[in-house]
């Protein structure tokens, strides 16, 4: 049995920056292009559902009640986009895989001011009783407000992992304390 630590990339919604990827990679020295790719263009951000809730609460005073629990799921490929939900294809399966339920409180997600929001406890999936995803790489993390596995589960946040990894028999996938980081610009 081994522990497999998953490290989400920096959460930074930067759709417009994707347009610059090719230019940066070709015009800047190779080392800066790679650094730009790794730090600034890590895909991820708020799902459309959450963006709408925040915008309507800030301008319009339409109250948004944060969910009591969040549900953390793993996806293969590049299935997750801002429009994702609990029924989006590509969620990992097999070998005791299940989304992780995290109580939405300040123990799990300590209050911050002016710094990235980080996880105060480790996020740990069940130990794999068989290879997850047919031993394929797990590339993305999705945080949802539900656990039905359908479009009723609204996407909140998503990101690519810095390094995609396979979870094999006996592995325990986890995100260590402070390795999840969400920044709003």
N, C-alpha and C. Protein backbone atom coordinates (compact mmCIF):
# COMPACT_ATOMS: atom_id res chain seq x y z
N UNK A 1 0.84 -1.17 0.00
CA UNK A 1 0.00 0.00 0.00
C UNK A 1 0.88 1.24 0.00
N UNK A 2 0.56 2.16 -0.86
CA UNK A 2 1.32 3.39 -0.89
C UNK A 2 0.36 4.56 -0.96
N UNK A 3 0.85 5.71 -0.53
CA UNK A 3 0.04 6.92 -0.60
C UNK A 3 0.41 7.66 -1.86
N UNK A 4 -0.57 8.03 -2.62
CA UNK A 4 -0.37 8.77 -3.84
C UNK A 4 -0.87 10.18 -3.59
N UNK A 5 0.01 11.14 -3.59
CA UNK A 5 -0.37 12.51 -3.30
C UNK A 5 -0.64 13.24 -4.60
N UNK A 6 -1.84 13.76 -4.72
CA UNK A 6 -2.22 14.52 -5.89
C UNK A 6 -2.06 16.00 -5.58
N UNK A 7 -1.47 16.76 -6.47
CA UNK A 7 -1.25 18.17 -6.25
C UNK A 7 -2.00 18.96 -7.33
N UNK A 8 -3.09 19.63 -6.91
CA UNK A 8 -3.81 20.43 -7.90
C UNK A 8 -2.94 21.57 -8.38
N UNK A 9 -3.14 21.97 -9.61
CA UNK A 9 -2.45 23.14 -10.12
C UNK A 9 -3.03 24.40 -9.49
N UNK A 10 -2.39 25.51 -9.72
CA UNK A 10 -2.88 26.78 -9.20
C UNK A 10 -4.22 27.08 -9.85
N UNK A 11 -5.22 27.41 -9.05
CA UNK A 11 -6.55 27.74 -9.58
C UNK A 11 -6.49 29.17 -10.06
N UNK A 12 -6.57 29.34 -11.35
CA UNK A 12 -6.51 30.68 -11.92
C UNK A 12 -7.29 30.68 -13.21
N UNK A 13 -8.48 31.24 -13.17
CA UNK A 13 -9.30 31.28 -14.37
C UNK A 13 -8.65 32.22 -15.36
N UNK A 14 -8.13 31.71 -16.44
CA UNK A 14 -7.37 32.53 -17.37
C UNK A 14 -7.65 32.11 -18.81
N UNK A 15 -8.92 32.13 -19.19
CA UNK A 15 -9.27 31.71 -20.55
C UNK A 15 -8.54 32.53 -21.60
N UNK A 16 -8.47 33.85 -21.41
CA UNK A 16 -7.81 34.70 -22.39
C UNK A 16 -6.33 34.38 -22.50
N UNK A 17 -5.72 33.99 -21.39
CA UNK A 17 -4.30 33.66 -21.42
C UNK A 17 -4.01 32.45 -22.29
N UNK A 18 -4.98 31.53 -22.41
CA UNK A 18 -4.78 30.37 -23.28
C UNK A 18 -4.44 30.80 -24.70
N UNK A 19 -5.00 31.93 -25.14
CA UNK A 19 -4.74 32.42 -26.49
C UNK A 19 -3.28 32.83 -26.66
N UNK A 20 -2.61 33.15 -25.57
CA UNK A 20 -1.23 33.59 -25.63
C UNK A 20 -0.22 32.45 -25.55
N UNK A 21 -0.71 31.24 -25.22
CA UNK A 21 0.20 30.11 -25.01
C UNK A 21 1.17 29.93 -26.18
N UNK A 22 0.67 29.86 -27.39
CA UNK A 22 1.52 29.61 -28.54
C UNK A 22 2.51 30.74 -28.75
N UNK A 23 2.04 31.98 -28.63
CA UNK A 23 2.92 33.13 -28.82
C UNK A 23 4.02 33.14 -27.77
N UNK A 24 3.66 32.92 -26.50
CA UNK A 24 4.65 32.94 -25.43
C UNK A 24 5.67 31.84 -25.63
N UNK A 25 5.21 30.66 -25.98
CA UNK A 25 6.12 29.52 -26.16
C UNK A 25 7.09 29.77 -27.31
N UNK A 26 6.65 30.49 -28.34
CA UNK A 26 7.53 30.71 -29.49
C UNK A 26 8.38 31.96 -29.36
N UNK A 27 7.91 32.98 -28.68
CA UNK A 27 8.61 34.26 -28.62
C UNK A 27 9.54 34.41 -27.43
N UNK A 28 9.19 33.83 -26.31
CA UNK A 28 10.04 33.96 -25.12
C UNK A 28 11.04 32.82 -25.07
N UNK A 29 12.12 33.02 -24.39
CA UNK A 29 13.08 31.91 -24.26
C UNK A 29 12.38 30.67 -23.71
N UNK A 30 12.85 29.51 -24.11
CA UNK A 30 12.20 28.25 -23.75
C UNK A 30 11.91 28.14 -22.25
N UNK A 31 12.81 28.50 -21.39
CA UNK A 31 12.59 28.35 -19.95
C UNK A 31 11.44 29.21 -19.46
N UNK A 32 11.22 30.39 -20.05
CA UNK A 32 10.11 31.23 -19.61
C UNK A 32 8.80 30.70 -20.15
N UNK A 33 8.82 30.14 -21.34
CA UNK A 33 7.61 29.54 -21.88
C UNK A 33 7.13 28.38 -21.02
N UNK A 34 8.06 27.55 -20.56
CA UNK A 34 7.69 26.43 -19.70
C UNK A 34 7.17 26.93 -18.36
N UNK A 35 7.81 27.95 -17.79
CA UNK A 35 7.37 28.50 -16.53
C UNK A 35 5.97 29.10 -16.68
N UNK A 36 5.74 29.81 -17.77
CA UNK A 36 4.42 30.40 -18.02
C UNK A 36 3.37 29.31 -18.11
N UNK A 37 3.67 28.25 -18.83
CA UNK A 37 2.76 27.12 -18.97
C UNK A 37 2.43 26.50 -17.62
N UNK A 38 3.43 26.33 -16.80
CA UNK A 38 3.24 25.64 -15.53
C UNK A 38 2.47 26.47 -14.51
N UNK A 39 2.73 27.77 -14.46
CA UNK A 39 2.14 28.60 -13.41
C UNK A 39 0.89 29.32 -13.89
N UNK A 40 0.95 30.01 -14.98
CA UNK A 40 -0.15 30.87 -15.37
C UNK A 40 -1.25 30.18 -16.17
N UNK A 41 -0.91 29.14 -16.87
CA UNK A 41 -1.92 28.54 -17.74
C UNK A 41 -2.44 27.21 -17.21
N UNK A 42 -2.29 26.95 -15.94
CA UNK A 42 -2.87 25.76 -15.34
C UNK A 42 -4.38 25.93 -15.42
N UNK A 43 -5.03 25.10 -16.16
CA UNK A 43 -6.46 25.25 -16.35
C UNK A 43 -7.20 25.05 -15.04
N UNK A 44 -8.27 25.77 -14.89
CA UNK A 44 -9.10 25.62 -13.72
C UNK A 44 -9.82 26.91 -13.39
N UNK A 45 -10.75 26.81 -12.50
CA UNK A 45 -11.47 28.00 -12.09
C UNK A 45 -12.82 27.65 -11.51
N UNK A 46 -13.64 28.67 -11.42
CA UNK A 46 -15.00 28.48 -10.94
C UNK A 46 -15.87 27.95 -12.07
N UNK A 47 -16.77 27.08 -11.73
CA UNK A 47 -17.74 26.59 -12.70
C UNK A 47 -18.76 27.71 -12.97
N UNK A 48 -19.40 27.65 -14.12
CA UNK A 48 -20.39 28.67 -14.50
C UNK A 48 -21.46 28.84 -13.43
N UNK A 49 -21.90 27.73 -12.85
CA UNK A 49 -22.93 27.77 -11.81
C UNK A 49 -22.51 28.68 -10.66
N UNK A 50 -21.28 28.50 -10.15
CA UNK A 50 -20.80 29.30 -9.03
C UNK A 50 -20.57 30.75 -9.45
N UNK A 51 -20.03 30.95 -10.65
CA UNK A 51 -19.83 32.33 -11.13
C UNK A 51 -21.14 33.09 -11.14
N UNK A 52 -22.21 32.47 -11.65
CA UNK A 52 -23.52 33.11 -11.69
C UNK A 52 -24.01 33.45 -10.29
N UNK A 53 -23.83 32.52 -9.35
CA UNK A 53 -24.28 32.76 -7.97
C UNK A 53 -23.54 33.93 -7.34
N UNK A 54 -22.23 34.01 -7.54
CA UNK A 54 -21.43 35.09 -6.95
C UNK A 54 -21.82 36.43 -7.57
N UNK A 55 -21.89 36.50 -8.88
CA UNK A 55 -22.24 37.75 -9.56
C UNK A 55 -23.61 38.25 -9.12
N UNK A 56 -24.58 37.35 -9.05
CA UNK A 56 -25.93 37.76 -8.66
C UNK A 56 -26.03 38.15 -7.19
N UNK A 57 -25.16 37.60 -6.35
CA UNK A 57 -25.18 37.99 -4.94
C UNK A 57 -24.51 39.34 -4.75
N UNK A 58 -23.37 39.56 -5.41
CA UNK A 58 -22.66 40.82 -5.26
C UNK A 58 -23.45 41.97 -5.87
N UNK A 59 -23.97 41.78 -7.06
CA UNK A 59 -24.77 42.81 -7.73
C UNK A 59 -26.17 42.29 -7.95
N UNK A 60 -27.05 42.62 -7.03
CA UNK A 60 -28.43 42.18 -7.10
C UNK A 60 -28.92 41.64 -5.77
N UNK A 61 -27.99 41.36 -4.86
CA UNK A 61 -28.32 40.87 -3.53
C UNK A 61 -29.19 39.61 -3.55
N UNK A 62 -28.94 38.75 -4.55
CA UNK A 62 -29.63 37.46 -4.60
C UNK A 62 -28.79 36.49 -3.77
N UNK A 63 -29.26 36.18 -2.57
CA UNK A 63 -28.46 35.39 -1.63
C UNK A 63 -28.10 34.01 -2.19
N UNK A 64 -26.86 33.64 -1.93
CA UNK A 64 -26.37 32.30 -2.28
C UNK A 64 -25.99 31.61 -0.99
N UNK A 65 -26.59 30.49 -0.74
CA UNK A 65 -26.24 29.71 0.44
C UNK A 65 -25.19 28.68 0.07
N UNK A 66 -24.02 28.79 0.65
CA UNK A 66 -22.97 27.81 0.38
C UNK A 66 -23.43 26.43 0.81
N UNK A 67 -23.04 25.39 0.09
CA UNK A 67 -23.45 24.04 0.48
C UNK A 67 -22.83 23.63 1.81
N UNK A 68 -23.54 22.83 2.58
CA UNK A 68 -23.04 22.35 3.87
C UNK A 68 -21.85 21.40 3.67
N UNK A 69 -21.85 20.69 2.56
CA UNK A 69 -20.76 19.78 2.22
C UNK A 69 -20.33 20.03 0.79
N UNK A 70 -19.06 19.76 0.52
CA UNK A 70 -18.58 19.76 -0.86
C UNK A 70 -18.14 18.33 -1.17
N UNK A 71 -18.19 17.98 -2.44
CA UNK A 71 -17.88 16.61 -2.87
C UNK A 71 -16.76 16.69 -3.89
N UNK A 72 -15.67 16.01 -3.61
CA UNK A 72 -14.45 16.10 -4.40
C UNK A 72 -14.31 14.85 -5.26
N UNK A 73 -14.28 15.06 -6.57
CA UNK A 73 -14.19 13.94 -7.51
C UNK A 73 -12.98 14.07 -8.41
N UNK A 74 -12.62 12.96 -9.01
CA UNK A 74 -11.46 12.88 -9.90
C UNK A 74 -11.92 12.54 -11.31
N UNK A 75 -11.31 13.18 -12.30
CA UNK A 75 -11.66 12.94 -13.70
C UNK A 75 -10.42 12.63 -14.51
N UNK A 76 -10.62 11.83 -15.56
CA UNK A 76 -9.55 11.57 -16.51
C UNK A 76 -9.75 12.47 -17.71
N UNK A 77 -8.76 12.58 -18.54
CA UNK A 77 -8.85 13.41 -19.74
C UNK A 77 -8.98 14.88 -19.38
N UNK A 78 -9.60 15.60 -20.27
CA UNK A 78 -9.81 17.03 -20.05
C UNK A 78 -11.30 17.33 -20.13
N UNK A 79 -12.07 16.54 -19.44
CA UNK A 79 -13.53 16.64 -19.46
C UNK A 79 -14.06 17.89 -18.77
N UNK A 80 -13.37 18.34 -17.72
CA UNK A 80 -13.90 19.43 -16.92
C UNK A 80 -13.62 20.79 -17.54
N UNK A 81 -14.66 21.56 -17.62
CA UNK A 81 -14.60 22.95 -18.07
C UNK A 81 -15.51 23.73 -17.13
N UNK A 82 -15.65 25.00 -17.36
CA UNK A 82 -16.51 25.82 -16.51
C UNK A 82 -17.95 25.34 -16.50
N UNK A 83 -18.36 24.58 -17.51
CA UNK A 83 -19.75 24.10 -17.60
C UNK A 83 -19.95 22.72 -16.97
N UNK A 84 -18.97 22.20 -16.24
CA UNK A 84 -19.08 20.83 -15.73
C UNK A 84 -20.14 20.71 -14.63
N UNK A 85 -20.61 19.48 -14.44
CA UNK A 85 -21.56 19.13 -13.38
C UNK A 85 -21.30 17.68 -13.00
N UNK A 86 -22.06 17.16 -12.07
CA UNK A 86 -21.83 15.81 -11.56
C UNK A 86 -22.02 14.69 -12.55
N UNK A 87 -22.64 14.97 -13.68
CA UNK A 87 -22.82 13.94 -14.69
C UNK A 87 -21.85 14.05 -15.84
N UNK A 88 -20.88 14.96 -15.74
CA UNK A 88 -19.91 15.14 -16.82
C UNK A 88 -19.10 13.85 -17.00
N UNK A 89 -18.99 13.42 -18.24
CA UNK A 89 -18.28 12.17 -18.56
C UNK A 89 -16.83 12.24 -18.12
N UNK A 90 -16.27 11.08 -17.83
CA UNK A 90 -14.86 10.97 -17.54
C UNK A 90 -14.51 10.85 -16.07
N UNK A 91 -15.53 10.83 -15.17
CA UNK A 91 -15.19 10.67 -13.76
C UNK A 91 -14.61 9.28 -13.56
N UNK A 92 -13.61 9.21 -12.71
CA UNK A 92 -12.90 7.97 -12.41
C UNK A 92 -13.89 6.93 -11.89
N UNK A 93 -13.59 5.67 -12.12
CA UNK A 93 -14.46 4.60 -11.62
C UNK A 93 -13.61 3.37 -11.29
N UNK A 94 -14.26 2.44 -10.61
CA UNK A 94 -13.63 1.16 -10.31
C UNK A 94 -12.89 1.14 -8.99
N UNK A 95 -12.69 -0.04 -8.45
CA UNK A 95 -11.83 -0.27 -7.31
C UNK A 95 -12.09 0.56 -6.07
N UNK A 96 -13.34 0.68 -5.65
CA UNK A 96 -13.74 1.41 -4.44
C UNK A 96 -13.69 2.92 -4.58
N UNK A 97 -13.58 3.43 -5.81
CA UNK A 97 -13.57 4.89 -6.00
C UNK A 97 -14.89 5.48 -5.52
N UNK A 98 -14.80 6.59 -4.83
CA UNK A 98 -15.97 7.37 -4.43
C UNK A 98 -15.52 8.81 -4.23
N UNK A 99 -16.41 9.75 -4.49
CA UNK A 99 -16.10 11.14 -4.19
C UNK A 99 -15.90 11.31 -2.69
N UNK A 100 -15.07 12.26 -2.34
CA UNK A 100 -14.80 12.56 -0.93
C UNK A 100 -15.75 13.66 -0.47
N UNK A 101 -16.42 13.42 0.65
CA UNK A 101 -17.30 14.43 1.24
C UNK A 101 -16.49 15.26 2.21
N UNK A 102 -16.51 16.58 2.02
CA UNK A 102 -15.80 17.49 2.92
C UNK A 102 -16.83 18.46 3.50
N UNK A 103 -16.96 18.47 4.84
CA UNK A 103 -17.83 19.46 5.47
C UNK A 103 -17.29 20.84 5.11
N UNK A 104 -18.18 21.74 4.74
CA UNK A 104 -17.79 23.07 4.31
C UNK A 104 -17.72 23.97 5.54
N UNK A 105 -16.58 23.91 6.23
CA UNK A 105 -16.41 24.68 7.45
C UNK A 105 -14.99 25.24 7.54
N UNK A 106 -14.74 26.03 8.57
CA UNK A 106 -13.43 26.68 8.69
C UNK A 106 -12.34 25.76 9.24
N UNK A 107 -12.67 24.57 9.68
CA UNK A 107 -11.64 23.59 10.03
C UNK A 107 -11.05 23.03 8.74
N UNK A 108 -11.91 22.65 7.82
CA UNK A 108 -11.45 22.09 6.55
C UNK A 108 -10.90 23.16 5.61
N UNK A 109 -11.45 24.37 5.70
CA UNK A 109 -11.05 25.48 4.82
C UNK A 109 -10.92 26.75 5.66
N UNK A 110 -9.77 26.93 6.33
CA UNK A 110 -9.60 28.07 7.23
C UNK A 110 -9.86 29.41 6.55
N UNK A 111 -10.41 30.33 7.33
CA UNK A 111 -10.69 31.68 6.85
C UNK A 111 -9.39 32.38 6.48
N UNK A 112 -9.41 33.12 5.38
CA UNK A 112 -8.24 33.85 4.91
C UNK A 112 -8.62 35.28 4.57
N UNK A 113 -7.64 36.14 4.52
CA UNK A 113 -7.81 37.50 4.05
C UNK A 113 -6.62 37.83 3.16
N UNK A 114 -6.89 38.06 1.88
CA UNK A 114 -5.84 38.47 0.96
C UNK A 114 -4.83 37.40 0.57
N UNK A 115 -5.06 36.17 0.96
CA UNK A 115 -4.15 35.09 0.58
C UNK A 115 -4.97 33.97 -0.04
N UNK A 116 -4.34 33.02 -0.70
CA UNK A 116 -5.11 31.92 -1.29
C UNK A 116 -5.85 31.11 -0.23
N UNK A 117 -7.02 30.63 -0.59
CA UNK A 117 -7.79 29.71 0.25
C UNK A 117 -7.14 28.35 0.12
N UNK A 118 -6.84 27.71 1.25
CA UNK A 118 -6.18 26.40 1.23
C UNK A 118 -6.96 25.42 2.08
N UNK A 119 -6.70 24.15 1.85
CA UNK A 119 -7.33 23.11 2.66
C UNK A 119 -6.62 22.96 3.99
N UNK A 120 -7.39 22.92 5.08
CA UNK A 120 -6.83 22.80 6.41
C UNK A 120 -6.64 21.35 6.85
N UNK A 121 -7.20 20.43 6.11
CA UNK A 121 -7.05 18.99 6.37
C UNK A 121 -6.78 18.30 5.03
N UNK A 122 -6.22 17.13 5.10
CA UNK A 122 -5.96 16.37 3.88
C UNK A 122 -7.29 15.91 3.27
N UNK A 123 -7.32 15.85 1.97
CA UNK A 123 -8.46 15.29 1.24
C UNK A 123 -8.01 13.90 0.82
N UNK A 124 -8.65 12.86 1.35
CA UNK A 124 -8.18 11.49 1.07
C UNK A 124 -9.32 10.63 0.54
N UNK A 125 -9.07 10.00 -0.59
CA UNK A 125 -10.03 9.07 -1.19
C UNK A 125 -9.83 7.70 -0.57
N UNK A 126 -10.80 6.81 -0.76
CA UNK A 126 -10.64 5.44 -0.24
C UNK A 126 -9.45 4.76 -0.90
N UNK A 127 -8.85 3.81 -0.21
CA UNK A 127 -7.76 3.03 -0.79
C UNK A 127 -8.31 2.22 -1.96
N UNK A 128 -7.61 2.25 -3.06
CA UNK A 128 -8.05 1.57 -4.27
C UNK A 128 -8.01 0.05 -4.09
N UNK A 129 -9.14 -0.61 -4.31
CA UNK A 129 -9.19 -2.07 -4.23
C UNK A 129 -8.91 -2.70 -5.59
N UNK A 130 -8.74 -1.87 -6.59
CA UNK A 130 -8.34 -2.26 -7.95
C UNK A 130 -7.85 -0.98 -8.63
N UNK A 131 -7.24 -1.11 -9.78
CA UNK A 131 -6.77 0.07 -10.49
C UNK A 131 -7.96 0.96 -10.84
N UNK A 132 -7.86 2.24 -10.50
CA UNK A 132 -8.90 3.18 -10.87
C UNK A 132 -8.70 3.57 -12.32
N UNK A 133 -9.80 3.75 -12.99
CA UNK A 133 -9.74 4.27 -14.34
C UNK A 133 -8.92 3.36 -15.26
N UNK A 134 -8.95 2.05 -15.00
CA UNK A 134 -8.21 1.12 -15.85
C UNK A 134 -6.72 1.41 -15.87
N UNK A 135 -6.17 1.93 -14.78
CA UNK A 135 -4.76 2.30 -14.64
C UNK A 135 -4.39 3.51 -15.49
N UNK A 136 -5.38 4.23 -16.01
CA UNK A 136 -5.12 5.44 -16.77
C UNK A 136 -4.83 6.62 -15.85
N UNK A 137 -4.21 7.63 -16.40
CA UNK A 137 -3.86 8.82 -15.62
C UNK A 137 -5.11 9.59 -15.19
N UNK A 138 -5.06 10.11 -13.98
CA UNK A 138 -6.11 10.98 -13.46
C UNK A 138 -5.58 12.39 -13.59
N UNK A 139 -6.32 13.21 -14.33
CA UNK A 139 -5.79 14.52 -14.71
C UNK A 139 -6.50 15.70 -14.07
N UNK A 140 -7.73 15.51 -13.58
CA UNK A 140 -8.48 16.67 -13.11
C UNK A 140 -9.21 16.41 -11.79
N UNK A 141 -9.47 17.50 -11.09
CA UNK A 141 -10.21 17.50 -9.84
C UNK A 141 -11.43 18.38 -10.02
N UNK A 142 -12.58 17.90 -9.56
CA UNK A 142 -13.80 18.70 -9.56
C UNK A 142 -14.38 18.75 -8.17
N UNK A 143 -14.82 19.93 -7.76
CA UNK A 143 -15.48 20.12 -6.46
C UNK A 143 -16.93 20.48 -6.76
N UNK A 144 -17.86 19.71 -6.19
CA UNK A 144 -19.27 19.86 -6.49
C UNK A 144 -20.09 20.09 -5.23
N UNK A 145 -21.37 20.46 -5.44
CA UNK A 145 -22.26 20.67 -4.30
C UNK A 145 -23.13 19.45 -4.01
N UNK A 146 -22.99 18.39 -4.78
CA UNK A 146 -23.80 17.18 -4.59
C UNK A 146 -23.03 15.93 -4.93
N UNK A 147 -23.66 14.79 -4.63
CA UNK A 147 -22.97 13.51 -4.81
C UNK A 147 -23.85 12.47 -5.51
N UNK A 148 -24.80 12.92 -6.32
CA UNK A 148 -25.69 11.98 -7.00
C UNK A 148 -25.07 11.39 -8.27
N UNK A 149 -24.02 12.03 -8.79
CA UNK A 149 -23.41 11.56 -10.02
C UNK A 149 -24.22 11.93 -11.25
N UNK A 150 -25.03 12.98 -11.13
CA UNK A 150 -25.88 13.44 -12.23
C UNK A 150 -25.72 14.94 -12.41
N UNK A 151 -26.43 15.47 -13.39
CA UNK A 151 -26.38 16.91 -13.62
C UNK A 151 -26.99 17.71 -12.47
N UNK A 152 -27.65 17.04 -11.53
CA UNK A 152 -28.18 17.72 -10.34
C UNK A 152 -27.04 18.19 -9.44
N UNK A 153 -25.87 17.56 -9.54
CA UNK A 153 -24.70 18.00 -8.77
C UNK A 153 -24.08 19.17 -9.52
N UNK A 154 -24.11 20.34 -8.91
CA UNK A 154 -23.58 21.53 -9.57
C UNK A 154 -22.08 21.66 -9.33
N UNK A 155 -21.35 21.92 -10.41
CA UNK A 155 -19.92 22.14 -10.29
C UNK A 155 -19.63 23.45 -9.60
N UNK A 156 -18.65 23.45 -8.72
CA UNK A 156 -18.22 24.67 -8.03
C UNK A 156 -16.85 25.10 -8.53
N UNK A 157 -15.86 24.23 -8.40
CA UNK A 157 -14.48 24.51 -8.79
C UNK A 157 -13.90 23.32 -9.51
N UNK A 158 -12.92 23.56 -10.37
CA UNK A 158 -12.24 22.48 -11.05
C UNK A 158 -10.82 22.91 -11.38
N UNK A 159 -9.94 21.94 -11.57
CA UNK A 159 -8.58 22.24 -12.00
C UNK A 159 -7.92 21.00 -12.57
N UNK A 160 -6.83 21.23 -13.28
CA UNK A 160 -5.96 20.16 -13.73
C UNK A 160 -4.98 19.88 -12.60
N UNK A 161 -4.55 18.63 -12.45
CA UNK A 161 -3.46 18.34 -11.53
C UNK A 161 -2.16 18.76 -12.19
N UNK A 162 -1.20 19.19 -11.38
CA UNK A 162 0.11 19.59 -11.90
C UNK A 162 0.74 18.44 -12.66
N UNK A 163 0.62 17.23 -12.10
CA UNK A 163 1.12 16.02 -12.76
C UNK A 163 0.01 14.98 -12.71
N UNK A 164 -0.41 14.49 -13.87
CA UNK A 164 -1.42 13.44 -13.91
C UNK A 164 -0.81 12.14 -13.40
N UNK A 165 -1.60 11.39 -12.61
CA UNK A 165 -1.10 10.14 -12.04
C UNK A 165 -2.16 9.07 -12.12
N UNK A 166 -1.71 7.84 -12.17
CA UNK A 166 -2.62 6.69 -12.10
C UNK A 166 -2.76 6.30 -10.63
N UNK A 167 -3.95 5.85 -10.24
CA UNK A 167 -4.16 5.30 -8.90
C UNK A 167 -4.35 3.80 -9.10
N UNK A 168 -3.42 3.03 -8.53
CA UNK A 168 -3.40 1.60 -8.74
C UNK A 168 -3.81 0.86 -7.46
N UNK A 169 -4.07 -0.41 -7.60
CA UNK A 169 -4.45 -1.26 -6.47
C UNK A 169 -3.57 -0.97 -5.26
N UNK A 170 -4.20 -0.66 -4.13
CA UNK A 170 -3.47 -0.40 -2.90
C UNK A 170 -3.08 1.05 -2.67
N UNK A 171 -3.20 1.89 -3.69
CA UNK A 171 -2.87 3.31 -3.54
C UNK A 171 -3.98 4.05 -2.79
N UNK A 172 -3.61 5.07 -2.06
CA UNK A 172 -4.57 5.97 -1.44
C UNK A 172 -4.30 7.36 -1.99
N UNK A 173 -5.15 7.82 -2.88
CA UNK A 173 -4.99 9.15 -3.45
C UNK A 173 -5.36 10.19 -2.41
N UNK A 174 -4.57 11.26 -2.34
CA UNK A 174 -4.86 12.31 -1.38
C UNK A 174 -4.29 13.64 -1.84
N UNK A 175 -4.84 14.69 -1.26
CA UNK A 175 -4.31 16.04 -1.44
C UNK A 175 -3.89 16.48 -0.04
N UNK A 176 -2.61 16.71 0.15
CA UNK A 176 -2.08 17.04 1.47
C UNK A 176 -2.58 18.40 1.94
N UNK A 177 -2.51 18.62 3.25
CA UNK A 177 -2.88 19.91 3.84
C UNK A 177 -2.12 21.02 3.12
N UNK A 178 -2.83 22.07 2.77
CA UNK A 178 -2.31 23.26 2.09
C UNK A 178 -1.91 23.05 0.64
N UNK A 179 -2.12 21.85 0.07
CA UNK A 179 -1.78 21.64 -1.34
C UNK A 179 -2.91 22.05 -2.29
N UNK A 180 -4.09 22.24 -1.76
CA UNK A 180 -5.19 22.80 -2.55
C UNK A 180 -5.14 24.30 -2.32
N UNK A 181 -5.11 25.06 -3.39
CA UNK A 181 -5.01 26.51 -3.26
C UNK A 181 -5.91 27.18 -4.28
N UNK A 182 -6.78 28.07 -3.81
CA UNK A 182 -7.71 28.78 -4.70
C UNK A 182 -7.48 30.27 -4.51
N UNK A 183 -7.19 30.94 -5.60
CA UNK A 183 -6.94 32.38 -5.58
C UNK A 183 -7.94 33.10 -6.47
N UNK A 184 -8.50 34.17 -5.96
CA UNK A 184 -9.36 35.04 -6.76
C UNK A 184 -8.56 36.27 -7.13
N UNK A 185 -8.60 36.63 -8.40
CA UNK A 185 -7.92 37.86 -8.85
C UNK A 185 -8.92 38.97 -9.02
